[in-house]
Amino acid sequence: MKAAHPEVVAANRVNPGDTLRQARESNGWSLAEVALKLNLTTTSLGNLEAGAFDKLPGHTFARGYIRAYAKLLGIDQAVLVQQFDQFTGTDSQGSNVHGLGRIEEPVRVSHTILRIVSLLLLIAVIGGGFVWWQDQASQRTKDMTSNAMEHVEVESADGTTQIHPLDEPEDQAVAEGQAAPEAPVAEQPVPETAPAATAAVPATPAAPAHTPAVPAAQAHTPAAPVQAPATTTPAAPAISPPTTPALIAGDGRVQITFVADCWTQLTDGNGKVLFSGLKRKGDTLDQGGKPPLTLRLGFARGAQVAYNGQPVDVAPFTSGETARLKLGQ
């Protein structure tokens, strides 16, 4: 069988897009309305009606667009597909493109990659923001705790207000106190005792022959030594024993004897600092206050503690060299 003459084939070519356009206009639909129904852009639909199939993603997709367009307008799909093949000179054998109610345009690889990258960036931004928020919340909590426990104001007896640090490192305070040179002890002048003056015994001239003999006991009796006036040492002033403050009903009393240098802080139940400072070896502390009394020791082994006259073992409350305990709970 001989092939058809090229002029005859060209004369039989019919643009299926013209048929679809005429059917659309007869139904009174605009190009935008049909593009919305087929999920196509107006540009793609305009190229389809104009027969510019080379501007579409490919003949396979163009053939699918024609099927969907014909189905929407109620036209025989097979006839329009045959016109498309004749117009474009393609063969539809082996093509399994079916008409769809709504055409899904091919998803470009670049769009997919862009979406994935955007999603990853969004996740990274959200994760970074969450980590930053957690860090800021933790930092604010630490700052609030530090500010709350940093200082306490204590009103002294003379009306002035003193600020005592509550977070003073006990070990460092003890180390500094032990490293400080001790005050020199004033030496008491030792009174010198004047040597006893020995009176010289003058030689007795020989008695005349007729002088009566002096008794031997009287002759050899030495003169009494002359003593130096004794140095008068001023009497030390009498030291009155420390008076124990009166204990208010319901209060507790802490008695501490220090056998070594120890940084000490005592706080009553209201949070008022009753004492804070370094105690030296041999010092004592007798302080009363509203219980529970919080006691902090920088060198626990250097303090012997008693509460209301009863000895207290600080070993269970010792960590390293420091101790923290509450009395009167």
C-alpha atoms as a PDB file:
ATOM      1  CA  MET A   1       0.000   0.000   0.000  1.00  0.00           C
ATOM      2  CA  LYS A   2       1.428   3.344  -1.057  1.00  0.00           C
ATOM      3  CA  ALA A   3       1.787   6.160   1.426  1.00  0.00           C
ATOM      4  CA  ALA A   4      -0.505   9.164   1.022  1.00  0.00           C
ATOM      5  CA  HIS A   5       0.852  12.169  -0.818  1.00  0.00           C
ATOM      6  CA  PRO A   6       2.210  14.844   1.538  1.00  0.00           C
ATOM      7  CA  GLU A   7      -0.128  17.489   0.126  1.00  0.00           C
ATOM      8  CA  VAL A   8      -3.136  15.295   0.862  1.00  0.00           C
ATOM      9  CA  VAL A   9      -1.969  14.624   4.396  1.00  0.00           C
ATOM     10  CA  ALA A  10      -1.467  18.325   5.027  1.00  0.00           C
ATOM     11  CA  ALA A  11      -4.925  19.106   3.727  1.00  0.00           C
ATOM     12  CA  ASN A  12      -6.482  16.580   6.101  1.00  0.00           C
ATOM     13  CA  ARG A  13      -4.788  18.055   9.189  1.00  0.00           C
ATOM     14  CA  VAL A  14      -7.286  19.589  11.588  1.00  0.00           C
ATOM     15  CA  ASN A  15      -6.256  21.365  14.765  1.00  0.00           C
ATOM     16  CA  PRO A  16      -8.251  19.692  17.567  1.00  0.00           C
ATOM     17  CA  GLY A  17      -7.771  22.866  19.593  1.00  0.00           C
ATOM     18  CA  ASP A  18     -10.056  24.805  17.253  1.00  0.00           C
ATOM     19  CA  THR A  19     -12.803  22.215  17.776  1.00  0.00           C
ATOM     20  CA  LEU A  20     -12.415  22.473  21.551  1.00  0.00           C
ATOM     21  CA  ARG A  21     -12.373  26.288  21.475  1.00  0.00           C
ATOM     22  CA  GLN A  22     -15.573  26.440  19.404  1.00  0.00           C
ATOM     23  CA  ALA A  23     -17.298  24.005  21.766  1.00  0.00           C
ATOM     24  CA  ARG A  24     -16.211  26.064  24.752  1.00  0.00           C
ATOM     25  CA  GLU A  25     -17.494  29.298  23.278  1.00  0.00           C
ATOM     26  CA  SER A  26     -20.796  27.676  22.337  1.00  0.00           C
ATOM     27  CA  ASN A  27     -21.224  26.703  26.021  1.00  0.00           C
ATOM     28  CA  GLY A  28     -20.492  30.298  27.050  1.00  0.00           C
ATOM     29  CA  TRP A  29     -17.422  29.368  29.113  1.00  0.00           C
ATOM     30  CA  SER A  30     -14.445  31.626  29.334  1.00  0.00           C
ATOM     31  CA  LEU A  31     -10.890  30.421  28.956  1.00  0.00           C
ATOM     32  CA  ALA A  32     -10.209  31.046  32.660  1.00  0.00           C
ATOM     33  CA  GLU A  33     -13.249  29.019  33.754  1.00  0.00           C
ATOM     34  CA  VAL A  34     -12.205  25.980  31.713  1.00  0.00           C
ATOM     35  CA  ALA A  35      -8.588  26.329  32.889  1.00  0.00           C
ATOM     36  CA  LEU A  36      -9.805  26.270  36.500  1.00  0.00           C
ATOM     37  CA  LYS A  37     -11.956  23.182  35.865  1.00  0.00           C
ATOM     38  CA  LEU A  38      -9.061  21.318  34.228  1.00  0.00           C
ATOM     39  CA  ASN A  39      -6.487  22.546  36.756  1.00  0.00           C
ATOM     40  CA  LEU A  40      -4.422  24.125  33.957  1.00  0.00           C
ATOM     41  CA  THR A  41      -3.005  27.593  33.481  1.00  0.00           C
ATOM     42  CA  THR A  42      -4.711  29.874  30.987  1.00  0.00           C
ATOM     43  CA  THR A  43      -1.432  30.002  29.048  1.00  0.00           C
ATOM     44  CA  SER A  44      -1.276  26.219  28.645  1.00  0.00           C
ATOM     45  CA  LEU A  45      -4.941  26.085  27.674  1.00  0.00           C
ATOM     46  CA  GLY A  46      -4.458  28.910  25.137  1.00  0.00           C
ATOM     47  CA  ASN A  47      -1.512  27.054  23.566  1.00  0.00           C
ATOM     48  CA  LEU A  48      -3.654  23.917  23.395  1.00  0.00           C
ATOM     49  CA  GLU A  49      -6.474  25.687  21.550  1.00  0.00           C
ATOM     50  CA  ALA A  50      -4.007  27.451  19.231  1.00  0.00           C
ATOM     51  CA  GLY A  51      -2.302  24.178  18.302  1.00  0.00           C
ATOM     52  CA  ALA A  52       1.042  25.245  19.818  1.00  0.00           C
ATOM     53  CA  PHE A  53       1.629  21.768  21.230  1.00  0.00           C
ATOM     54  CA  ASP A  54       5.410  22.193  21.199  1.00  0.00           C
ATOM     55  CA  LYS A  55       4.996  24.698  24.070  1.00  0.00           C
ATOM     56  CA  LEU A  56       3.375  22.036  26.250  1.00  0.00           C
ATOM     57  CA  PRO A  57       5.354  19.568  28.414  1.00  0.00           C
ATOM     58  CA  GLY A  58       5.141  16.907  25.668  1.00  0.00           C
ATOM     59  CA  HIS A  59       2.856  15.198  23.171  1.00  0.00           C
ATOM     60  CA  THR A  60       1.896  12.554  25.692  1.00  0.00           C
ATOM     61  CA  PHE A  61       0.652  15.188  28.130  1.00  0.00           C
ATOM     62  CA  ALA A  62      -0.907  17.215  25.305  1.00  0.00           C
ATOM     63  CA  ARG A  63      -2.852  14.159  24.214  1.00  0.00           C
ATOM     64  CA  GLY A  64      -4.051  13.721  27.834  1.00  0.00           C
ATOM     65  CA  TYR A  65      -5.097  17.380  27.969  1.00  0.00           C
ATOM     66  CA  ILE A  66      -7.189  16.938  24.792  1.00  0.00           C
ATOM     67  CA  ARG A  67      -8.903  13.858  26.237  1.00  0.00           C
ATOM     68  CA  ALA A  68      -9.763  15.719  29.467  1.00  0.00           C
ATOM     69  CA  TYR A  69     -10.928  18.814  27.543  1.00  0.00           C
ATOM     70  CA  ALA A  70     -13.134  16.716  25.227  1.00  0.00           C
ATOM     71  CA  LYS A  71     -14.594  14.833  28.189  1.00  0.00           C
ATOM     72  CA  LEU A  72     -15.425  18.120  29.953  1.00  0.00           C
ATOM     73  CA  LEU A  73     -17.244  19.401  26.816  1.00  0.00           C
ATOM     74  CA  GLY A  74     -18.940  16.070  26.052  1.00  0.00           C
ATOM     75  CA  ILE A  75     -17.096  15.502  22.748  1.00  0.00           C
ATOM     76  CA  ASP A  76     -15.842  12.148  21.418  1.00  0.00           C
ATOM     77  CA  GLN A  77     -12.319  11.834  22.777  1.00  0.00           C
ATOM     78  CA  ALA A  78     -11.129   9.303  20.185  1.00  0.00           C
ATOM     79  CA  VAL A  79     -11.896  11.611  17.255  1.00  0.00           C
ATOM     80  CA  LEU A  80      -9.987  14.540  18.768  1.00  0.00           C
ATOM     81  CA  VAL A  81      -7.035  12.330  19.691  1.00  0.00           C
ATOM     82  CA  GLN A  82      -6.906  11.084  16.076  1.00  0.00           C
ATOM     83  CA  GLN A  83      -6.962  14.667  14.856  1.00  0.00           C
ATOM     84  CA  PHE A  84      -4.125  15.493  17.265  1.00  0.00           C
ATOM     85  CA  ASP A  85      -1.996  12.586  15.956  1.00  0.00           C
ATOM     86  CA  GLN A  86      -2.614  13.648  12.362  1.00  0.00           C
ATOM     87  CA  PHE A  87      -1.904  17.293  13.156  1.00  0.00           C
ATOM     88  CA  THR A  88       1.349  16.557  15.020  1.00  0.00           C
ATOM     89  CA  GLY A  89       2.363  13.514  12.952  1.00  0.00           C
ATOM     90  CA  THR A  90       2.711  11.321  16.030  1.00  0.00           C
ATOM     91  CA  ASP A  91       1.508   7.785  16.703  1.00  0.00           C
ATOM     92  CA  SER A  92      -0.630   7.063  19.723  1.00  0.00           C
ATOM     93  CA  GLN A  93       0.101   3.301  19.711  1.00  0.00           C
ATOM     94  CA  GLY A  94       1.315   2.166  23.074  1.00  0.00           C
ATOM     95  CA  SER A  95       0.124   5.314  24.718  1.00  0.00           C
ATOM     96  CA  ASN A  96      -1.882   4.615  27.860  1.00  0.00           C
ATOM     97  CA  VAL A  97      -2.801   8.221  28.513  1.00  0.00           C
ATOM     98  CA  HIS A  98      -6.401   8.349  29.697  1.00  0.00           C
ATOM     99  CA  GLY A  99      -8.725  11.277  30.016  1.00  0.00           C
ATOM    100  CA  LEU A 100      -8.849  12.727  33.489  1.00  0.00           C
ATOM    101  CA  GLY A 101     -11.507  14.820  35.087  1.00  0.00           C
ATOM    102  CA  ARG A 102      -8.757  17.126  36.360  1.00  0.00           C
ATOM    103  CA  ILE A 103      -5.304  17.159  34.815  1.00  0.00           C
ATOM    104  CA  GLU A 104      -2.316  17.087  37.152  1.00  0.00           C
ATOM    105  CA  GLU A 105       0.583  18.948  35.589  1.00  0.00           C
ATOM    106  CA  PRO A 106       3.977  17.234  35.908  1.00  0.00           C
ATOM    107  CA  VAL A 107       5.842  18.108  39.046  1.00  0.00           C
ATOM    108  CA  ARG A 108       9.165  19.528  38.152  1.00  0.00           C
ATOM    109  CA  VAL A 109      12.229  18.178  39.931  1.00  0.00           C
ATOM    110  CA  SER A 110      13.411  21.685  40.746  1.00  0.00           C
ATOM    111  CA  HIS A 111      10.143  22.481  42.508  1.00  0.00           C
ATOM    112  CA  THR A 112      10.409  19.293  44.560  1.00  0.00           C
ATOM    113  CA  ILE A 113      13.960  20.073  45.613  1.00  0.00           C
ATOM    114  CA  LEU A 114      12.965  23.623  46.489  1.00  0.00           C
ATOM    115  CA  ARG A 115      10.126  22.414  48.675  1.00  0.00           C
ATOM    116  CA  ILE A 116      12.363  19.908  50.462  1.00  0.00           C
ATOM    117  CA  VAL A 117      15.040  22.519  51.104  1.00  0.00           C
ATOM    118  CA  SER A 118      12.436  24.995  52.351  1.00  0.00           C
ATOM    119  CA  LEU A 119      10.989  22.384  54.703  1.00  0.00           C
ATOM    120  CA  LEU A 120      14.438  21.555  56.087  1.00  0.00           C
ATOM    121  CA  LEU A 121      15.209  25.242  56.616  1.00  0.00           C
ATOM    122  CA  LEU A 122      11.906  25.728  58.406  1.00  0.00           C
ATOM    123  CA  ILE A 123      12.612  22.779  60.701  1.00  0.00           C
ATOM    124  CA  ALA A 124      16.124  24.119  61.419  1.00  0.00           C
ATOM    125  CA  VAL A 125      14.768  27.583  62.282  1.00  0.00           C
ATOM    126  CA  ILE A 126      12.092  26.156  64.577  1.00  0.00           C
ATOM    127  CA  GLY A 127      14.621  23.874  66.298  1.00  0.00           C
ATOM    128  CA  GLY A 128      17.108  26.698  66.764  1.00  0.00           C
ATOM    129  CA  GLY A 129      14.425  28.953  68.196  1.00  0.00           C
ATOM    130  CA  PHE A 130      13.342  26.285  70.657  1.00  0.00           C
ATOM    131  CA  VAL A 131      16.920  25.664  71.826  1.00  0.00           C
ATOM    132  CA  TRP A 132      17.480  29.418  72.220  1.00  0.00           C
ATOM    133  CA  TRP A 133      14.275  29.784  74.229  1.00  0.00           C
ATOM    134  CA  GLN A 134      15.252  26.930  76.531  1.00  0.00           C
ATOM    135  CA  ASP A 135      18.711  28.471  77.090  1.00  0.00           C
ATOM    136  CA  GLN A 136      17.243  31.895  77.858  1.00  0.00           C
ATOM    137  CA  ALA A 137      14.699  30.408  80.287  1.00  0.00           C
ATOM    138  CA  SER A 138      17.443  28.497  82.098  1.00  0.00           C
ATOM    139  CA  GLN A 139      19.649  31.597  82.261  1.00  0.00           C
ATOM    140  CA  ARG A 140      16.787  33.719  83.671  1.00  0.00           C
ATOM    141  CA  THR A 141      16.133  31.099  86.352  1.00  0.00           C
ATOM    142  CA  LYS A 142      19.794  31.084  87.361  1.00  0.00           C
ATOM    143  CA  ASP A 143      19.934  34.881  87.480  1.00  0.00           C
ATOM    144  CA  MET A 144      16.803  35.102  89.608  1.00  0.00           C
ATOM    145  CA  THR A 145      18.170  32.505  92.048  1.00  0.00           C
ATOM    146  CA  SER A 146      21.535  34.232  92.202  1.00  0.00           C
ATOM    147  CA  ASN A 147      19.966  37.656  92.810  1.00  0.00           C
ATOM    148  CA  ALA A 148      17.630  36.288  95.472  1.00  0.00           C
ATOM    149  CA  MET A 149      20.434  34.604  97.447  1.00  0.00           C
ATOM    150  CA  GLU A 150      23.266  37.041  96.781  1.00  0.00           C
ATOM    151  CA  HIS A 151      22.840  39.483  99.681  1.00  0.00           C
ATOM    152  CA  VAL A 152      20.749  40.038 102.759  1.00  0.00           C
ATOM    153  CA  GLU A 153      20.310  43.305 104.597  1.00  0.00           C
ATOM    154  CA  VAL A 154      20.770  43.186 108.362  1.00  0.00           C
ATOM    155  CA  GLU A 155      19.935  46.105 110.622  1.00  0.00           C
ATOM    156  CA  SER A 156      22.560  46.503 113.309  1.00  0.00           C
ATOM    157  CA  ALA A 157      22.072  47.792 116.825  1.00  0.00           C
ATOM    158  CA  ASP A 158      23.214  51.318 115.970  1.00  0.00           C
ATOM    159  CA  GLY A 159      20.528  51.696 113.315  1.00  0.00           C
ATOM    160  CA  THR A 160      22.765  51.207 110.287  1.00  0.00           C
ATOM    161  CA  THR A 161      22.006  48.619 107.650  1.00  0.00           C
ATOM    162  CA  GLN A 162      24.701  46.115 106.771  1.00  0.00           C
ATOM    163  CA  ILE A 163      24.704  43.912 103.691  1.00  0.00           C
ATOM    164  CA  HIS A 164      26.033  40.391 104.175  1.00  0.00           C
ATOM    165  CA  PRO A 165      26.744  37.996 101.293  1.00  0.00           C
ATOM    166  CA  LEU A 166      24.928  34.692 101.666  1.00  0.00           C
ATOM    167  CA  ASP A 167      26.840  32.851  98.983  1.00  0.00           C
ATOM    168  CA  GLU A 168      30.316  33.449 100.382  1.00  0.00           C
ATOM    169  CA  PRO A 169      32.484  30.342  99.711  1.00  0.00           C
ATOM    170  CA  GLU A 170      33.227  28.974 103.134  1.00  0.00           C
ATOM    171  CA  ASP A 171      36.419  27.169 102.165  1.00  0.00           C
ATOM    172  CA  GLN A 172      37.890  30.298 100.581  1.00  0.00           C
ATOM    173  CA  ALA A 173      36.941  32.423 103.594  1.00  0.00           C
ATOM    174  CA  VAL A 174      38.626  29.939 105.938  1.00  0.00           C
ATOM    175  CA  ALA A 175      41.721  29.760 103.744  1.00  0.00           C
ATOM    176  CA  GLU A 176      42.017  33.537 103.647  1.00  0.00           C
ATOM    177  CA  GLY A 177      41.490  33.760 107.398  1.00  0.00           C
ATOM    178  CA  GLN A 178      44.144  31.118 108.091  1.00  0.00           C
ATOM    179  CA  ALA A 179      46.589  32.776 105.698  1.00  0.00           C
ATOM    180  CA  ALA A 180      46.221  36.179 107.402  1.00  0.00           C
ATOM    181  CA  PRO A 181      49.111  36.913 109.778  1.00  0.00           C
ATOM    182  CA  GLU A 182      48.169  36.731 113.405  1.00  0.00           C
ATOM    183  CA  ALA A 183      48.415  39.909 115.452  1.00  0.00           C
ATOM    184  CA  PRO A 184      51.664  40.031 117.402  1.00  0.00           C
ATOM    185  CA  VAL A 185      51.277  39.421 121.102  1.00  0.00           C
ATOM    186  CA  ALA A 186      52.494  42.323 123.171  1.00  0.00           C
ATOM    187  CA  GLU A 187      55.368  41.219 125.331  1.00  0.00           C
ATOM    188  CA  GLN A 188      55.097  42.095 128.962  1.00  0.00           C
ATOM    189  CA  PRO A 189      58.280  43.700 130.311  1.00  0.00           C
ATOM    190  CA  VAL A 190      59.959  41.450 132.799  1.00  0.00           C
ATOM    191  CA  PRO A 191      60.772  43.418 135.963  1.00  0.00           C
ATOM    192  CA  GLU A 192      64.427  43.264 136.760  1.00  0.00           C
ATOM    193  CA  THR A 193      65.276  42.450 140.353  1.00  0.00           C
ATOM    194  CA  ALA A 194      67.971  44.633 141.711  1.00  0.00           C
ATOM    195  CA  PRO A 195      70.856  42.622 143.158  1.00  0.00           C
ATOM    196  CA  ALA A 196      71.060  42.724 146.902  1.00  0.00           C
ATOM    197  CA  ALA A 197      73.585  45.235 148.065  1.00  0.00           C
ATOM    198  CA  THR A 198      76.100  43.720 150.399  1.00  0.00           C
ATOM    199  CA  ALA A 199      77.294  46.055 153.068  1.00  0.00           C
ATOM    200  CA  ALA A 200      81.008  45.968 153.422  1.00  0.00           C
ATOM    201  CA  VAL A 201      82.168  45.086 156.886  1.00  0.00           C
ATOM    202  CA  PRO A 202      84.889  47.485 157.908  1.00  0.00           C
ATOM    203  CA  ALA A 203      87.966  45.937 159.272  1.00  0.00           C
ATOM    204  CA  THR A 204      88.110  46.086 163.019  1.00  0.00           C
ATOM    205  CA  PRO A 205      91.360  47.436 164.292  1.00  0.00           C
ATOM    206  CA  ALA A 206      93.173  45.388 166.805  1.00  0.00           C
ATOM    207  CA  ALA A 207      91.896  45.993 170.186  1.00  0.00           C
ATOM    208  CA  PRO A 208      94.293  47.346 172.808  1.00  0.00           C
ATOM    209  CA  ALA A 209      95.651  44.826 175.169  1.00  0.00           C
ATOM    210  CA  HIS A 210      93.564  46.115 177.933  1.00  0.00           C
ATOM    211  CA  THR A 211      90.384  46.385 175.859  1.00  0.00           C
ATOM    212  CA  PRO A 212      87.818  43.823 176.903  1.00  0.00           C
ATOM    213  CA  ALA A 213      87.291  41.059 174.278  1.00  0.00           C
ATOM    214  CA  VAL A 214      84.245  41.323 172.111  1.00  0.00           C
ATOM    215  CA  PRO A 215      82.145  38.204 172.017  1.00  0.00           C
ATOM    216  CA  ALA A 216      82.816  36.122 168.860  1.00  0.00           C
ATOM    217  CA  ALA A 217      79.174  36.081 167.923  1.00  0.00           C
ATOM    218  CA  GLN A 218      79.076  39.842 167.827  1.00  0.00           C
ATOM    219  CA  ALA A 219      82.409  40.183 166.057  1.00  0.00           C
ATOM    220  CA  HIS A 220      81.518  38.077 163.042  1.00  0.00           C
ATOM    221  CA  THR A 221      77.858  39.115 162.581  1.00  0.00           C
ATOM    222  CA  PRO A 222      77.498  40.513 158.992  1.00  0.00           C
ATOM    223  CA  ALA A 223      75.522  43.559 158.319  1.00  0.00           C
ATOM    224  CA  ALA A 224      72.010  43.052 157.030  1.00  0.00           C
ATOM    225  CA  PRO A 225      71.869  43.323 153.200  1.00  0.00           C
ATOM    226  CA  VAL A 226      70.158  46.313 151.739  1.00  0.00           C
ATOM    227  CA  GLN A 227      67.268  45.255 149.488  1.00  0.00           C
ATOM    228  CA  ALA A 228      66.242  47.243 146.408  1.00  0.00           C
ATOM    229  CA  PRO A 229      62.757  48.609 146.424  1.00  0.00           C
ATOM    230  CA  ALA A 230      60.366  46.093 144.874  1.00  0.00           C
ATOM    231  CA  THR A 231      58.908  46.958 141.407  1.00  0.00           C
ATOM    232  CA  THR A 232      55.214  47.496 141.692  1.00  0.00           C
ATOM    233  CA  THR A 233      53.261  45.709 138.868  1.00  0.00           C
ATOM    234  CA  PRO A 234      49.870  47.294 138.177  1.00  0.00           C
ATOM    235  CA  ALA A 235      47.053  44.909 138.847  1.00  0.00           C
ATOM    236  CA  ALA A 236      45.172  43.673 135.771  1.00  0.00           C
ATOM    237  CA  PRO A 237      41.604  44.937 135.585  1.00  0.00           C
ATOM    238  CA  ALA A 238      39.075  42.386 136.586  1.00  0.00           C
ATOM    239  CA  ILE A 239      37.258  40.853 133.570  1.00  0.00           C
ATOM    240  CA  SER A 240      33.618  40.372 134.177  1.00  0.00           C
ATOM    241  CA  PRO A 241      32.176  37.156 132.700  1.00  0.00           C
ATOM    242  CA  PRO A 242      30.116  37.676 129.528  1.00  0.00           C
ATOM    243  CA  THR A 243      26.493  38.111 130.170  1.00  0.00           C
ATOM    244  CA  THR A 244      24.205  35.665 128.390  1.00  0.00           C
ATOM    245  CA  PRO A 245      21.376  37.457 126.567  1.00  0.00           C
ATOM    246  CA  ALA A 246      17.950  36.716 127.879  1.00  0.00           C
ATOM    247  CA  LEU A 247      16.261  33.954 125.895  1.00  0.00           C
ATOM    248  CA  ILE A 248      12.841  34.887 124.534  1.00  0.00           C
ATOM    249  CA  ALA A 249      10.145  32.266 124.969  1.00  0.00           C
ATOM    250  CA  GLY A 250      10.079  29.921 122.017  1.00  0.00           C
ATOM    251  CA  ASP A 251      13.571  30.876 120.805  1.00  0.00           C
ATOM    252  CA  GLY A 252      16.482  28.499 120.509  1.00  0.00           C
ATOM    253  CA  ARG A 253      20.067  29.100 121.554  1.00  0.00           C
ATOM    254  CA  VAL A 254      23.213  27.951 119.794  1.00  0.00           C
ATOM    255  CA  GLN A 255      26.481  27.653 121.693  1.00  0.00           C
ATOM    256  CA  ILE A 256      29.647  27.058 119.659  1.00  0.00           C
ATOM    257  CA  THR A 257      33.211  26.583 120.885  1.00  0.00           C
ATOM    258  CA  PHE A 258      35.821  26.945 118.173  1.00  0.00           C
ATOM    259  CA  VAL A 259      38.863  24.670 118.301  1.00  0.00           C
ATOM    260  CA  ALA A 260      40.140  25.981 114.950  1.00  0.00           C
ATOM    261  CA  ASP A 261      39.517  28.946 112.660  1.00  0.00           C
ATOM    262  CA  CYS A 262      36.083  28.548 111.107  1.00  0.00           C
ATOM    263  CA  TRP A 263      33.903  30.755 108.923  1.00  0.00           C
ATOM    264  CA  THR A 264      30.430  30.777 110.485  1.00  0.00           C
ATOM    265  CA  GLN A 265      26.998  32.038 109.526  1.00  0.00           C
ATOM    266  CA  LEU A 266      23.838  31.777 111.646  1.00  0.00           C
ATOM    267  CA  THR A 267      20.401  32.672 110.275  1.00  0.00           C
ATOM    268  CA  ASP A 268      17.096  32.582 112.145  1.00  0.00           C
ATOM    269  CA  GLY A 269      13.766  31.247 110.940  1.00  0.00           C
ATOM    270  CA  ASN A 270      12.821  34.627 109.417  1.00  0.00           C
ATOM    271  CA  GLY A 271      15.921  34.655 107.235  1.00  0.00           C
ATOM    272  CA  LYS A 272      17.688  37.285 109.342  1.00  0.00           C
ATOM    273  CA  VAL A 273      21.443  36.785 109.585  1.00  0.00           C
ATOM    274  CA  LEU A 274      22.313  36.739 113.287  1.00  0.00           C
ATOM    275  CA  PHE A 275      26.039  36.311 112.726  1.00  0.00           C
ATOM    276  CA  SER A 276      28.320  36.025 109.705  1.00  0.00           C
ATOM    277  CA  GLY A 277      32.098  36.090 109.851  1.00  0.00           C
ATOM    278  CA  LEU A 278      35.311  34.270 110.686  1.00  0.00           C
ATOM    279  CA  LYS A 279      35.790  32.907 114.197  1.00  0.00           C
ATOM    280  CA  ARG A 280      39.279  32.211 115.484  1.00  0.00           C
ATOM    281  CA  LYS A 281      40.500  29.283 117.510  1.00  0.00           C
ATOM    282  CA  GLY A 282      39.461  29.718 121.135  1.00  0.00           C
ATOM    283  CA  ASP A 283      36.489  31.979 120.331  1.00  0.00           C
ATOM    284  CA  THR A 284      32.919  31.170 121.332  1.00  0.00           C
ATOM    285  CA  LEU A 285      29.540  32.061 119.980  1.00  0.00           C
ATOM    286  CA  ASP A 286      26.383  32.137 122.060  1.00  0.00           C
ATOM    287  CA  GLN A 287      23.417  33.348 120.055  1.00  0.00           C
ATOM    288  CA  GLY A 288      19.674  32.911 120.331  1.00  0.00           C
ATOM    289  CA  GLY A 289      16.979  33.389 117.748  1.00  0.00           C
ATOM    290  CA  LYS A 290      13.714  32.192 116.321  1.00  0.00           C
ATOM    291  CA  PRO A 291      13.983  28.581 115.159  1.00  0.00           C
ATOM    292  CA  PRO A 292      14.692  26.902 112.941  1.00  0.00           C
ATOM    293  CA  LEU A 293      18.201  28.284 113.059  1.00  0.00           C
ATOM    294  CA  THR A 294      20.311  27.621 109.962  1.00  0.00           C
ATOM    295  CA  LEU A 295      24.002  27.122 110.726  1.00  0.00           C
ATOM    296  CA  ARG A 296      26.726  27.102 108.071  1.00  0.00           C
ATOM    297  CA  LEU A 297      30.287  26.158 108.992  1.00  0.00           C
ATOM    298  CA  GLY A 298      33.234  26.615 106.665  1.00  0.00           C
ATOM    299  CA  PHE A 299      35.439  24.192 108.627  1.00  0.00           C
ATOM    300  CA  ALA A 300      33.121  21.799 110.428  1.00  0.00           C
ATOM    301  CA  ARG A 301      35.855  20.044 112.415  1.00  0.00           C
ATOM    302  CA  GLY A 302      36.841  23.334 113.982  1.00  0.00           C
ATOM    303  CA  ALA A 303      33.509  23.887 115.775  1.00  0.00           C
ATOM    304  CA  GLN A 304      31.836  22.141 118.712  1.00  0.00           C
ATOM    305  CA  VAL A 305      28.118  22.883 118.500  1.00  0.00           C
ATOM    306  CA  ALA A 306      25.407  22.684 121.161  1.00  0.00           C
ATOM    307  CA  TYR A 307      21.750  23.613 120.882  1.00  0.00           C
ATOM    308  CA  ASN A 308      19.822  24.564 124.026  1.00  0.00           C
ATOM    309  CA  GLY A 309      22.627  22.988 126.072  1.00  0.00           C
ATOM    310  CA  GLN A 310      22.593  19.676 124.166  1.00  0.00           C
ATOM    311  CA  PRO A 311      25.644  18.751 122.031  1.00  0.00           C
ATOM    312  CA  VAL A 312      24.997  18.422 118.289  1.00  0.00           C
ATOM    313  CA  ASP A 313      26.908  16.070 115.988  1.00  0.00           C
ATOM    314  CA  VAL A 314      27.635  17.949 112.749  1.00  0.00           C
ATOM    315  CA  ALA A 315      29.254  14.981 110.987  1.00  0.00           C
ATOM    316  CA  PRO A 316      26.043  13.797 109.258  1.00  0.00           C
ATOM    317  CA  PHE A 317      25.600  17.283 107.798  1.00  0.00           C
ATOM    318  CA  THR A 318      29.204  17.706 106.619  1.00  0.00           C
ATOM    319  CA  SER A 319      30.193  17.684 102.957  1.00  0.00           C
ATOM    320  CA  GLY A 320      33.932  17.967 102.423  1.00  0.00           C
ATOM    321  CA  GLU A 321      35.039  20.488 105.035  1.00  0.00           C
ATOM    322  CA  THR A 322      31.783  22.480 105.207  1.00  0.00           C
ATOM    323  CA  ALA A 323      28.558  21.774 107.044  1.00  0.00           C
ATOM    324  CA  ARG A 324      25.041  23.121 106.766  1.00  0.00           C
ATOM    325  CA  LEU A 325      22.365  22.155 109.271  1.00  0.00           C
ATOM    326  CA  LYS A 326      19.112  23.407 110.747  1.00  0.00           C
ATOM    327  CA  LEU A 327      18.527  23.430 114.468  1.00  0.00           C
ATOM    328  CA  GLY A 328      15.195  23.461 116.233  1.00  0.00           C
ATOM    329  CA  GLN A 329      13.032  22.128 113.388  1.00  0.00           C
END
